[in-house]
C-alpha atoms as a PDB file:
ATOM      1  CA  MET A   1       0.000   0.000   0.000  1.00  0.00           C
ATOM      2  CA  LYS A   2       1.354   3.410  -0.949  1.00  0.00           C
ATOM      3  CA  ALA A   3       0.681   6.379   1.332  1.00  0.00           C
ATOM      4  CA  LEU A   4       1.117  10.078   0.645  1.00  0.00           C
ATOM      5  CA  VAL A   5       2.085  11.989   3.778  1.00  0.00           C
ATOM      6  CA  THR A   6       1.905  15.764   4.030  1.00  0.00           C
ATOM      7  CA  GLY A   7       3.816  17.469   6.824  1.00  0.00           C
ATOM      8  CA  ALA A   8       6.512  14.755   6.849  1.00  0.00           C
ATOM      9  CA  THR A   9       9.239  17.294   7.683  1.00  0.00           C
ATOM     10  CA  GLY A  10       7.403  18.212  10.895  1.00  0.00           C
ATOM     11  CA  PHE A  11       7.216  16.632  14.341  1.00  0.00           C
ATOM     12  CA  ILE A  12       4.206  14.315  14.021  1.00  0.00           C
ATOM     13  CA  GLY A  13       4.737  13.764  10.296  1.00  0.00           C
ATOM     14  CA  GLY A  14       8.380  12.768  10.711  1.00  0.00           C
ATOM     15  CA  ASN A  15       7.471  10.162  13.312  1.00  0.00           C
ATOM     16  CA  LEU A  16       4.503   8.984  11.222  1.00  0.00           C
ATOM     17  CA  VAL A  17       6.724   8.373   8.188  1.00  0.00           C
ATOM     18  CA  ARG A  18       9.087   6.238  10.264  1.00  0.00           C
ATOM     19  CA  GLU A  19       6.210   4.185  11.649  1.00  0.00           C
ATOM     20  CA  LEU A  20       4.734   3.649   8.179  1.00  0.00           C
ATOM     21  CA  LEU A  21       8.076   2.452   6.819  1.00  0.00           C
ATOM     22  CA  LYS A  22       8.476   0.136   9.818  1.00  0.00           C
ATOM     23  CA  ARG A  23       5.086  -1.418   9.002  1.00  0.00           C
ATOM     24  CA  GLY A  24       5.926  -2.024   5.352  1.00  0.00           C
ATOM     25  CA  PHE A  25       4.132   0.868   3.637  1.00  0.00           C
ATOM     26  CA  GLN A  26       5.507   2.512   0.526  1.00  0.00           C
ATOM     27  CA  VAL A  27       5.745   6.198   1.405  1.00  0.00           C
ATOM     28  CA  ARG A  28       5.666   9.316  -0.706  1.00  0.00           C
ATOM     29  CA  VAL A  29       5.952  12.707   0.993  1.00  0.00           C
ATOM     30  CA  LEU A  30       4.808  16.123  -0.184  1.00  0.00           C
ATOM     31  CA  VAL A  31       7.576  18.647   0.480  1.00  0.00           C
ATOM     32  CA  ARG A  32       7.894  22.307  -0.436  1.00  0.00           C
ATOM     33  CA  GLU A  33      11.039  23.025  -2.430  1.00  0.00           C
ATOM     34  CA  ALA A  34      12.357  25.460   0.198  1.00  0.00           C
ATOM     35  CA  SER A  35      11.620  23.215   3.197  1.00  0.00           C
ATOM     36  CA  SER A  36      14.390  21.606   5.230  1.00  0.00           C
ATOM     37  CA  ARG A  37      14.405  17.834   4.781  1.00  0.00           C
ATOM     38  CA  SER A  38      16.634  17.075   7.767  1.00  0.00           C
ATOM     39  CA  ASN A  39      13.768  15.247   9.509  1.00  0.00           C
ATOM     40  CA  ILE A  40      13.453  12.685   6.686  1.00  0.00           C
ATOM     41  CA  GLU A  41      17.010  12.614   5.367  1.00  0.00           C
ATOM     42  CA  GLY A  42      18.205   9.112   4.500  1.00  0.00           C
ATOM     43  CA  LEU A  43      14.781   7.464   4.737  1.00  0.00           C
ATOM     44  CA  PRO A  44      13.689   5.118   1.895  1.00  0.00           C
ATOM     45  CA  LEU A  45      10.816   7.178   0.534  1.00  0.00           C
ATOM     46  CA  GLU A  46       9.717   9.158  -2.512  1.00  0.00           C
ATOM     47  CA  VAL A  47       9.722  12.951  -2.438  1.00  0.00           C
ATOM     48  CA  ALA A  48       7.105  14.879  -4.385  1.00  0.00           C
ATOM     49  CA  LEU A  49       7.843  18.593  -4.573  1.00  0.00           C
ATOM     50  CA  GLY A  50       4.719  20.682  -4.179  1.00  0.00           C
ATOM     51  CA  ASP A  51       2.661  23.033  -2.075  1.00  0.00           C
ATOM     52  CA  LEU A  52      -0.783  22.783  -0.505  1.00  0.00           C
ATOM     53  CA  ARG A  53      -1.657  26.005  -2.343  1.00  0.00           C
ATOM     54  CA  ASP A  54      -0.737  24.537  -5.756  1.00  0.00           C
ATOM     55  CA  GLN A  55      -3.462  22.190  -6.989  1.00  0.00           C
ATOM     56  CA  ALA A  56      -1.457  20.760  -9.879  1.00  0.00           C
ATOM     57  CA  SER A  57       1.358  19.658  -7.572  1.00  0.00           C
ATOM     58  CA  LEU A  58      -1.164  17.916  -5.302  1.00  0.00           C
ATOM     59  CA  ASP A  59      -2.711  16.026  -8.207  1.00  0.00           C
ATOM     60  CA  HIS A  60       0.765  14.862  -9.223  1.00  0.00           C
ATOM     61  CA  ALA A  61       1.753  13.860  -5.671  1.00  0.00           C
ATOM     62  CA  LEU A  62      -1.370  11.737  -5.176  1.00  0.00           C
ATOM     63  CA  ARG A  63      -1.031   9.852  -8.455  1.00  0.00           C
ATOM     64  CA  GLY A  64      -0.554   6.147  -7.736  1.00  0.00           C
ATOM     65  CA  CYS A  65      -1.217   6.447  -3.987  1.00  0.00           C
ATOM     66  CA  ASP A  66      -3.807   4.401  -2.120  1.00  0.00           C
ATOM     67  CA  VAL A  67      -4.195   6.420   1.101  1.00  0.00           C
ATOM     68  CA  LEU A  68      -3.500   9.940   2.373  1.00  0.00           C
ATOM     69  CA  PHE A  69      -2.267  11.172   5.738  1.00  0.00           C
ATOM     70  CA  HIS A  70      -2.754  14.948   5.818  1.00  0.00           C
ATOM     71  CA  ALA A  71      -0.574  16.047   8.746  1.00  0.00           C
ATOM     72  CA  ALA A  72       0.768  19.334   7.352  1.00  0.00           C
ATOM     73  CA  ALA A  73      -0.062  22.568   9.159  1.00  0.00           C
ATOM     74  CA  ASP A  74       1.391  25.948   9.965  1.00  0.00           C
ATOM     75  CA  TYR A  75       1.763  25.306  13.712  1.00  0.00           C
ATOM     76  CA  SER A  76       2.667  28.388  15.725  1.00  0.00           C
ATOM     77  CA  PHE A  77       1.001  30.554  18.368  1.00  0.00           C
ATOM     78  CA  TRP A  78       2.321  33.674  16.591  1.00  0.00           C
ATOM     79  CA  SER A  79       2.823  34.557  12.938  1.00  0.00           C
ATOM     80  CA  ARG A  80       4.163  37.554  11.055  1.00  0.00           C
ATOM     81  CA  ASN A  81       1.540  36.850   8.387  1.00  0.00           C
ATOM     82  CA  PRO A  82      -1.714  35.489   9.862  1.00  0.00           C
ATOM     83  CA  ALA A  83      -3.311  35.255   6.416  1.00  0.00           C
ATOM     84  CA  ALA A  84      -0.700  32.666   5.410  1.00  0.00           C
ATOM     85  CA  VAL A  85      -1.760  30.467   8.356  1.00  0.00           C
ATOM     86  CA  TYR A  86      -5.309  30.285   6.976  1.00  0.00           C
ATOM     87  CA  GLU A  87      -4.053  29.749   3.408  1.00  0.00           C
ATOM     88  CA  THR A  88      -2.070  26.707   4.505  1.00  0.00           C
ATOM     89  CA  ASN A  89      -4.322  25.248   7.186  1.00  0.00           C
ATOM     90  CA  VAL A  90      -7.759  25.894   5.680  1.00  0.00           C
ATOM     91  CA  GLN A  91      -7.400  26.465   1.935  1.00  0.00           C
ATOM     92  CA  GLY A  92      -4.546  23.963   1.769  1.00  0.00           C
ATOM     93  CA  THR A  93      -6.697  21.325   3.475  1.00  0.00           C
ATOM     94  CA  GLU A  94      -9.525  21.925   1.012  1.00  0.00           C
ATOM     95  CA  ASN A  95      -7.094  21.655  -1.903  1.00  0.00           C
ATOM     96  CA  ILE A  96      -5.531  18.347  -0.813  1.00  0.00           C
ATOM     97  CA  LEU A  97      -8.906  16.802   0.054  1.00  0.00           C
ATOM     98  CA  MET A  98     -10.365  17.800  -3.318  1.00  0.00           C
ATOM     99  CA  ALA A  99      -7.332  16.305  -5.045  1.00  0.00           C
ATOM    100  CA  ALA A 100      -7.683  13.115  -2.981  1.00  0.00           C
ATOM    101  CA  GLY A 101     -11.316  12.798  -4.006  1.00  0.00           C
ATOM    102  CA  ALA A 102     -10.434  13.244  -7.669  1.00  0.00           C
ATOM    103  CA  ALA A 103      -7.648  10.650  -7.345  1.00  0.00           C
ATOM    104  CA  GLY A 104      -9.995   8.054  -5.811  1.00  0.00           C
ATOM    105  CA  ILE A 105      -7.984   7.735  -2.587  1.00  0.00           C
ATOM    106  CA  GLU A 106      -9.310   4.801  -0.519  1.00  0.00           C
ATOM    107  CA  LYS A 107      -8.954   6.371   2.956  1.00  0.00           C
ATOM    108  CA  ILE A 108      -7.859   9.725   4.361  1.00  0.00           C
ATOM    109  CA  VAL A 109      -6.606  10.395   7.879  1.00  0.00           C
ATOM    110  CA  TYR A 110      -6.728  14.094   8.708  1.00  0.00           C
ATOM    111  CA  THR A 111      -4.574  15.382  11.575  1.00  0.00           C
ATOM    112  CA  SER A 112      -6.544  17.957  13.545  1.00  0.00           C
ATOM    113  CA  THR A 113      -5.793  19.089  17.116  1.00  0.00           C
ATOM    114  CA  GLU A 114      -7.174  18.724  20.616  1.00  0.00           C
ATOM    115  CA  SER A 115      -8.056  22.421  20.453  1.00  0.00           C
ATOM    116  CA  THR A 116     -11.197  21.636  18.446  1.00  0.00           C
ATOM    117  CA  ILE A 117     -12.547  19.535  21.329  1.00  0.00           C
ATOM    118  CA  GLY A 118     -14.902  21.488  23.585  1.00  0.00           C
ATOM    119  CA  ILE A 119     -14.338  21.518  27.346  1.00  0.00           C
ATOM    120  CA  GLN A 120     -16.730  23.019  29.882  1.00  0.00           C
ATOM    121  CA  GLY A 121     -15.447  23.797  33.356  1.00  0.00           C
ATOM    122  CA  HIS A 122     -13.564  20.865  34.856  1.00  0.00           C
ATOM    123  CA  GLU A 123     -15.131  18.223  32.616  1.00  0.00           C
ATOM    124  CA  LEU A 124     -12.931  15.944  30.527  1.00  0.00           C
ATOM    125  CA  GLY A 125     -12.977  16.671  26.815  1.00  0.00           C
ATOM    126  CA  THR A 126     -14.447  13.945  24.589  1.00  0.00           C
ATOM    127  CA  GLU A 127     -14.969  13.529  20.850  1.00  0.00           C
ATOM    128  CA  GLU A 128     -18.655  14.385  21.259  1.00  0.00           C
ATOM    129  CA  LYS A 129     -17.857  17.891  22.526  1.00  0.00           C
ATOM    130  CA  GLN A 130     -17.201  20.585  19.944  1.00  0.00           C
ATOM    131  CA  ALA A 131     -15.342  23.815  20.649  1.00  0.00           C
ATOM    132  CA  THR A 132     -16.740  27.024  19.208  1.00  0.00           C
ATOM    133  CA  LEU A 133     -14.686  29.267  16.968  1.00  0.00           C
ATOM    134  CA  GLY A 134     -15.121  32.190  19.345  1.00  0.00           C
ATOM    135  CA  SER A 135     -13.703  30.208  22.280  1.00  0.00           C
ATOM    136  CA  LEU A 136     -10.335  29.680  20.566  1.00  0.00           C
ATOM    137  CA  SER A 137      -7.275  31.915  20.902  1.00  0.00           C
ATOM    138  CA  GLY A 138      -4.930  32.638  18.019  1.00  0.00           C
ATOM    139  CA  ASP A 139      -4.934  32.063  14.285  1.00  0.00           C
ATOM    140  CA  TYR A 140      -3.499  28.542  14.471  1.00  0.00           C
ATOM    141  CA  LYS A 141      -6.330  27.165  16.603  1.00  0.00           C
ATOM    142  CA  LYS A 142      -9.022  29.071  14.696  1.00  0.00           C
ATOM    143  CA  SER A 143      -7.653  27.880  11.355  1.00  0.00           C
ATOM    144  CA  LYS A 144      -7.537  24.265  12.530  1.00  0.00           C
ATOM    145  CA  TRP A 145     -11.149  24.506  13.745  1.00  0.00           C
ATOM    146  CA  LEU A 146     -12.196  25.779  10.325  1.00  0.00           C
ATOM    147  CA  ALA A 147     -10.155  23.075   8.592  1.00  0.00           C
ATOM    148  CA  GLU A 148     -11.660  20.286  10.696  1.00  0.00           C
ATOM    149  CA  GLN A 149     -15.176  21.528   9.992  1.00  0.00           C
ATOM    150  CA  LEU A 150     -14.303  21.590   6.299  1.00  0.00           C
ATOM    151  CA  ALA A 151     -12.955  18.030   6.432  1.00  0.00           C
ATOM    152  CA  LEU A 152     -16.045  16.711   8.214  1.00  0.00           C
ATOM    153  CA  ARG A 153     -18.290  18.521   5.746  1.00  0.00           C
ATOM    154  CA  MET A 154     -16.438  16.984   2.791  1.00  0.00           C
ATOM    155  CA  CYS A 155     -16.682  13.627   4.537  1.00  0.00           C
ATOM    156  CA  SER A 156     -20.466  13.971   4.723  1.00  0.00           C
ATOM    157  CA  GLN A 157     -20.386  14.539   0.964  1.00  0.00           C
ATOM    158  CA  GLY A 158     -18.643  11.222   0.360  1.00  0.00           C
ATOM    159  CA  LEU A 159     -14.916  11.498   1.104  1.00  0.00           C
ATOM    160  CA  PRO A 160     -13.649   8.617   3.324  1.00  0.00           C
ATOM    161  CA  ILE A 161     -12.096  10.770   6.080  1.00  0.00           C
ATOM    162  CA  THR A 162     -11.244   9.870   9.665  1.00  0.00           C
ATOM    163  CA  VAL A 163     -10.069  12.687  11.947  1.00  0.00           C
ATOM    164  CA  VAL A 164      -7.452  12.322  14.673  1.00  0.00           C
ATOM    165  CA  ASN A 165      -6.981  14.931  17.416  1.00  0.00           C
ATOM    166  CA  PRO A 166      -3.540  14.614  19.015  1.00  0.00           C
ATOM    167  CA  THR A 167      -3.053  16.181  22.425  1.00  0.00           C
ATOM    168  CA  MET A 168       0.475  17.284  23.494  1.00  0.00           C
ATOM    169  CA  PRO A 169       3.029  14.958  21.854  1.00  0.00           C
ATOM    170  CA  LEU A 170       6.442  14.371  23.416  1.00  0.00           C
ATOM    171  CA  GLY A 171       9.452  12.665  21.879  1.00  0.00           C
ATOM    172  CA  PRO A 172      12.132  12.886  19.181  1.00  0.00           C
ATOM    173  CA  TRP A 173      12.314  14.627  15.781  1.00  0.00           C
ATOM    174  CA  ASP A 174      10.862  17.929  16.989  1.00  0.00           C
ATOM    175  CA  THR A 175      13.204  19.967  14.821  1.00  0.00           C
ATOM    176  CA  LYS A 176      11.550  23.398  14.951  1.00  0.00           C
ATOM    177  CA  PRO A 177      10.845  22.880  17.861  1.00  0.00           C
ATOM    178  CA  THR A 178       7.066  23.061  18.182  1.00  0.00           C
ATOM    179  CA  PRO A 179       5.500  24.921  21.143  1.00  0.00           C
ATOM    180  CA  THR A 180       5.418  21.517  22.879  1.00  0.00           C
ATOM    181  CA  GLY A 181       9.110  20.909  22.331  1.00  0.00           C
ATOM    182  CA  ARG A 182       9.925  24.483  23.325  1.00  0.00           C
ATOM    183  CA  ILE A 183       8.750  23.713  26.882  1.00  0.00           C
ATOM    184  CA  ILE A 184      11.337  20.928  27.127  1.00  0.00           C
ATOM    185  CA  ALA A 185      14.112  22.912  25.437  1.00  0.00           C
ATOM    186  CA  ASP A 186      13.476  25.945  27.657  1.00  0.00           C
ATOM    187  CA  PHE A 187      13.492  23.749  30.756  1.00  0.00           C
ATOM    188  CA  LEU A 188      16.808  22.174  29.770  1.00  0.00           C
ATOM    189  CA  ASN A 189      18.306  25.595  28.997  1.00  0.00           C
ATOM    190  CA  GLY A 190      17.198  27.127  32.302  1.00  0.00           C
ATOM    191  CA  ARG A 191      14.742  29.488  30.624  1.00  0.00           C
ATOM    192  CA  MET A 192      11.741  28.540  32.738  1.00  0.00           C
ATOM    193  CA  PRO A 193      12.030  30.334  36.082  1.00  0.00           C
ATOM    194  CA  ALA A 194       8.291  30.059  36.791  1.00  0.00           C
ATOM    195  CA  TYR A 195       5.118  28.340  35.620  1.00  0.00           C
ATOM    196  CA  VAL A 196       1.392  29.029  35.315  1.00  0.00           C
ATOM    197  CA  ASN A 197      -1.402  26.917  36.754  1.00  0.00           C
ATOM    198  CA  THR A 198      -2.828  25.034  33.785  1.00  0.00           C
ATOM    199  CA  GLY A 199      -3.646  21.496  32.719  1.00  0.00           C
ATOM    200  CA  LEU A 200      -2.700  19.464  29.658  1.00  0.00           C
ATOM    201  CA  ASN A 201      -2.750  15.955  28.264  1.00  0.00           C
ATOM    202  CA  ALA A 202       0.612  14.475  27.249  1.00  0.00           C
ATOM    203  CA  VAL A 203       1.200  11.580  24.851  1.00  0.00           C
ATOM    204  CA  ASP A 204       4.201   9.879  23.277  1.00  0.00           C
ATOM    205  CA  VAL A 205       4.679  11.061  19.688  1.00  0.00           C
ATOM    206  CA  GLY A 206       5.334   7.444  18.685  1.00  0.00           C
ATOM    207  CA  ASP A 207       1.889   6.549  20.004  1.00  0.00           C
ATOM    208  CA  VAL A 208       0.426   9.428  17.993  1.00  0.00           C
ATOM    209  CA  ALA A 209       2.127   8.085  14.866  1.00  0.00           C
ATOM    210  CA  ALA A 210       0.781   4.589  15.580  1.00  0.00           C
ATOM    211  CA  GLY A 211      -2.645   6.122  16.237  1.00  0.00           C
ATOM    212  CA  HIS A 212      -2.714   7.579  12.726  1.00  0.00           C
ATOM    213  CA  ILE A 213      -2.138   4.145  11.201  1.00  0.00           C
ATOM    214  CA  LEU A 214      -4.658   2.538  13.532  1.00  0.00           C
ATOM    215  CA  ALA A 215      -7.165   5.207  12.472  1.00  0.00           C
ATOM    216  CA  LEU A 216      -6.499   4.223   8.868  1.00  0.00           C
ATOM    217  CA  GLU A 217      -7.001   0.538   9.605  1.00  0.00           C
ATOM    218  CA  LYS A 218      -9.738   0.597  12.252  1.00  0.00           C
ATOM    219  CA  GLY A 219     -11.115   4.139  12.471  1.00  0.00           C
ATOM    220  CA  ARG A 220     -14.680   4.776  11.409  1.00  0.00           C
ATOM    221  CA  VAL A 221     -15.220   7.227   8.577  1.00  0.00           C
ATOM    222  CA  GLY A 222     -16.585  10.554   9.826  1.00  0.00           C
ATOM    223  CA  GLU A 223     -15.414   9.972  13.415  1.00  0.00           C
ATOM    224  CA  ARG A 224     -12.917  11.899  15.539  1.00  0.00           C
ATOM    225  CA  TYR A 225     -10.379  10.171  17.802  1.00  0.00           C
ATOM    226  CA  ILE A 226      -8.450  11.933  20.569  1.00  0.00           C
ATOM    227  CA  LEU A 227      -4.875  10.622  20.496  1.00  0.00           C
ATOM    228  CA  GLY A 228      -3.766  11.240  24.063  1.00  0.00           C
ATOM    229  CA  ASN A 229      -2.607   9.587  27.241  1.00  0.00           C
ATOM    230  CA  ARG A 230      -2.041  11.191  30.650  1.00  0.00           C
ATOM    231  CA  ASN A 231      -3.714  14.250  32.156  1.00  0.00           C
ATOM    232  CA  LEU A 232      -1.226  16.458  34.025  1.00  0.00           C
ATOM    233  CA  THR A 233      -0.851  19.958  35.354  1.00  0.00           C
ATOM    234  CA  LEU A 234       2.053  21.912  33.891  1.00  0.00           C
ATOM    235  CA  ARG A 235       3.751  21.712  37.295  1.00  0.00           C
ATOM    236  CA  GLU A 236       3.414  17.904  37.242  1.00  0.00           C
ATOM    237  CA  LEU A 237       4.982  17.762  33.778  1.00  0.00           C
ATOM    238  CA  LEU A 238       7.875  19.890  35.016  1.00  0.00           C
ATOM    239  CA  GLY A 239       8.160  17.461  37.926  1.00  0.00           C
ATOM    240  CA  VAL A 240       8.585  14.588  35.441  1.00  0.00           C
ATOM    241  CA  LEU A 241      11.290  16.618  33.690  1.00  0.00           C
ATOM    242  CA  GLU A 242      13.009  17.119  37.060  1.00  0.00           C
ATOM    243  CA  GLN A 243      12.795  13.388  37.771  1.00  0.00           C
ATOM    244  CA  VAL A 244      14.282  12.497  34.358  1.00  0.00           C
ATOM    245  CA  THR A 245      17.004  15.162  34.167  1.00  0.00           C
ATOM    246  CA  GLY A 246      17.907  15.978  37.766  1.00  0.00           C
ATOM    247  CA  ILE A 247      17.343  19.667  36.973  1.00  0.00           C
ATOM    248  CA  ARG A 248      15.240  21.362  39.627  1.00  0.00           C
ATOM    249  CA  ALA A 249      11.778  22.370  38.406  1.00  0.00           C
ATOM    250  CA  PRO A 250      10.638  25.927  39.110  1.00  0.00           C
ATOM    251  CA  ASN A 251       8.651  26.389  42.317  1.00  0.00           C
ATOM    252  CA  VAL A 252       7.343  29.870  41.519  1.00  0.00           C
ATOM    253  CA  ARG A 253       3.817  30.021  40.158  1.00  0.00           C
ATOM    254  CA  ILE A 254       2.859  33.257  38.457  1.00  0.00           C
ATOM    255  CA  PRO A 255      -0.738  34.436  37.961  1.00  0.00           C
ATOM    256  CA  LEU A 256      -2.065  34.216  34.429  1.00  0.00           C
ATOM    257  CA  TRP A 257      -2.651  37.979  34.320  1.00  0.00           C
ATOM    258  CA  VAL A 258       1.067  38.528  34.936  1.00  0.00           C
ATOM    259  CA  ALA A 259       1.953  36.085  32.143  1.00  0.00           C
ATOM    260  CA  LEU A 260      -0.556  37.779  29.854  1.00  0.00           C
ATOM    261  CA  GLY A 261       0.975  41.188  30.532  1.00  0.00           C
ATOM    262  CA  ALA A 262       4.419  39.789  29.777  1.00  0.00           C
ATOM    263  CA  GLY A 263       3.003  38.330  26.561  1.00  0.00           C
ATOM    264  CA  PHE A 264       1.694  41.708  25.383  1.00  0.00           C
ATOM    265  CA  VAL A 265       5.071  43.321  26.055  1.00  0.00           C
ATOM    266  CA  ASP A 266       6.936  40.447  24.388  1.00  0.00           C
ATOM    267  CA  GLU A 267       4.775  40.480  21.247  1.00  0.00           C
ATOM    268  CA  PHE A 268       5.100  44.259  20.919  1.00  0.00           C
ATOM    269  CA  VAL A 269       8.857  44.484  21.489  1.00  0.00           C
ATOM    270  CA  VAL A 270      10.065  41.212  19.968  1.00  0.00           C
ATOM    271  CA  GLY A 271       7.300  40.601  17.436  1.00  0.00           C
ATOM    272  CA  LYS A 272       6.401  44.053  16.115  1.00  0.00           C
ATOM    273  CA  LEU A 273       9.621  45.991  16.681  1.00  0.00           C
ATOM    274  CA  LEU A 274      12.263  43.293  16.190  1.00  0.00           C
ATOM    275  CA  HIS A 275      10.214  41.106  13.814  1.00  0.00           C
ATOM    276  CA  LYS A 276      11.158  37.922  15.661  1.00  0.00           C
ATOM    277  CA  PRO A 277       8.932  35.203  17.158  1.00  0.00           C
ATOM    278  CA  PRO A 278       8.054  36.175  20.762  1.00  0.00           C
ATOM    279  CA  ARG A 279       8.896  33.734  23.545  1.00  0.00           C
ATOM    280  CA  ILE A 280       5.564  34.402  25.291  1.00  0.00           C
ATOM    281  CA  PRO A 281       2.825  34.411  22.618  1.00  0.00           C
ATOM    282  CA  ILE A 282      -0.444  35.914  23.845  1.00  0.00           C
ATOM    283  CA  ALA A 283      -2.447  33.052  22.290  1.00  0.00           C
ATOM    284  CA  ALA A 284      -0.459  30.499  24.303  1.00  0.00           C
ATOM    285  CA  VAL A 285      -1.119  32.323  27.579  1.00  0.00           C
ATOM    286  CA  ARG A 286      -4.830  32.662  26.818  1.00  0.00           C
ATOM    287  CA  THR A 287      -4.994  28.952  26.049  1.00  0.00           C
ATOM    288  CA  ALA A 288      -3.528  28.222  29.488  1.00  0.00           C
ATOM    289  CA  ARG A 289      -6.622  29.737  31.128  1.00  0.00           C
ATOM    290  CA  LYS A 290      -8.446  26.434  30.552  1.00  0.00           C
ATOM    291  CA  CYS A 291      -7.455  23.049  31.911  1.00  0.00           C
ATOM    292  CA  ARG A 292      -7.163  20.841  28.811  1.00  0.00           C
ATOM    293  CA  HIS A 293      -7.770  17.362  30.198  1.00  0.00           C
ATOM    294  CA  PHE A 294      -9.299  14.611  28.066  1.00  0.00           C
ATOM    295  CA  ASP A 295     -10.976  11.221  28.117  1.00  0.00           C
ATOM    296  CA  CYS A 296      -8.974   9.221  25.544  1.00  0.00           C
ATOM    297  CA  SER A 297     -10.864   5.945  25.996  1.00  0.00           C
ATOM    298  CA  LYS A 298     -12.479   5.977  22.528  1.00  0.00           C
ATOM    299  CA  ALA A 299      -9.120   5.755  20.723  1.00  0.00           C
ATOM    300  CA  ILE A 300      -7.806   3.226  23.244  1.00  0.00           C
ATOM    301  CA  GLU A 301     -10.824   0.938  22.971  1.00  0.00           C
ATOM    302  CA  GLU A 302     -11.699   1.277  19.270  1.00  0.00           C
ATOM    303  CA  LEU A 303      -8.237   1.701  17.760  1.00  0.00           C
ATOM    304  CA  GLY A 304      -5.979   0.077  20.343  1.00  0.00           C
ATOM    305  CA  LEU A 305      -4.010   3.316  20.846  1.00  0.00           C
ATOM    306  CA  PRO A 306      -0.771   2.528  22.761  1.00  0.00           C
ATOM    307  CA  GLN A 307      -0.167   4.224  26.125  1.00  0.00           C
ATOM    308  CA  THR A 308       3.585   4.613  26.568  1.00  0.00           C
ATOM    309  CA  PRO A 309       4.499   5.892  30.071  1.00  0.00           C
ATOM    310  CA  ILE A 310       5.047   9.652  29.946  1.00  0.00           C
ATOM    311  CA  GLU A 311       8.328   9.338  31.840  1.00  0.00           C
ATOM    312  CA  SER A 312       9.681   7.300  28.917  1.00  0.00           C
ATOM    313  CA  SER A 313       8.393   9.869  26.410  1.00  0.00           C
ATOM    314  CA  VAL A 314      10.013  12.746  28.295  1.00  0.00           C
ATOM    315  CA  LEU A 315      13.314  10.864  28.489  1.00  0.00           C
ATOM    316  CA  ARG A 316      13.292  10.233  24.737  1.00  0.00           C
ATOM    317  CA  ALA A 317      12.542  13.903  24.089  1.00  0.00           C
ATOM    318  CA  VAL A 318      15.284  15.106  26.437  1.00  0.00           C
ATOM    319  CA  THR A 319      17.817  12.726  24.876  1.00  0.00           C
ATOM    320  CA  TRP A 320      16.932  13.853  21.364  1.00  0.00           C
ATOM    321  CA  PHE A 321      17.154  17.571  22.200  1.00  0.00           C
ATOM    322  CA  LYS A 322      20.531  17.076  23.838  1.00  0.00           C
ATOM    323  CA  GLN A 323      21.857  15.165  20.825  1.00  0.00           C
ATOM    324  CA  HIS A 324      20.622  17.650  18.242  1.00  0.00           C
ATOM    325  CA  GLY A 325      22.048  20.882  19.560  1.00  0.00           C
ATOM    326  CA  ASP A 326      18.948  22.451  21.102  1.00  0.00           C
ATOM    327  CA  VAL A 327      20.519  22.440  24.563  1.00  0.00           C
ATOM    328  CA  ARG A 328      23.491  24.530  25.634  1.00  0.00           C
END
């Protein structure tokens, strides 16, 4: 079986490609000409040059493929050009799904995000709960909400799409790094003197990769599956990092309003004046106002989603960051 993977140079996509190859798939990846290929260098796969905004390149990339994993996204809590985020995440998703329909692709797995799952108060998020567009902070989350709605709408019109909603993946091959990986890199580099009181769900990125393939094989068309594992507070995650590394976790908790104020200053000075990505994006701080804990039982029971211990995932992430120059 031949699979086209978009987003293969990214964190989830890079791990997904490795898992597909391990399981005997033929793999073709869609890569922009200017993109770094360090995450897939040396792997036995085909490279199709193209762009989610170029329909002809998508038609060419899908030719001869049986299935599609659409994992590409512009993933950042801050962007110099917000319009480009929507072009890639929303219009790009429509383009690749239309091309997949025209190519007669047998099954499509679309990588969404946990952000599209609605959570009220202290309840656990489930696949049945839908976030509203107005409840989301930042262009990334809004664009992914719009893209997921688009995918589900196209599914209702006949496309064989299953949606997966990864939570907070941890592990190797986070080359950017993503906002998730930045937490680990900042911790290792001593750039996290304090923390905010928030909740998250952590999962091994290898389990997320396996979950994509399980969604292909066992997932029901038109359904969403939360790919997650363990609910933690941010302080508990930092405690796991302390346990794994021996580096003392910060004990100072700062109020969210203080972090938000720092975010406004950071985005103005670093983002607008210096034209660099801010270290404290406002959208990230606003997201932290809600405890993002989930019930992942649907993916565990229906797909057989693995549940690697988070301590092991953190150790693999720490080891990878140390080996790839992200730590001083």
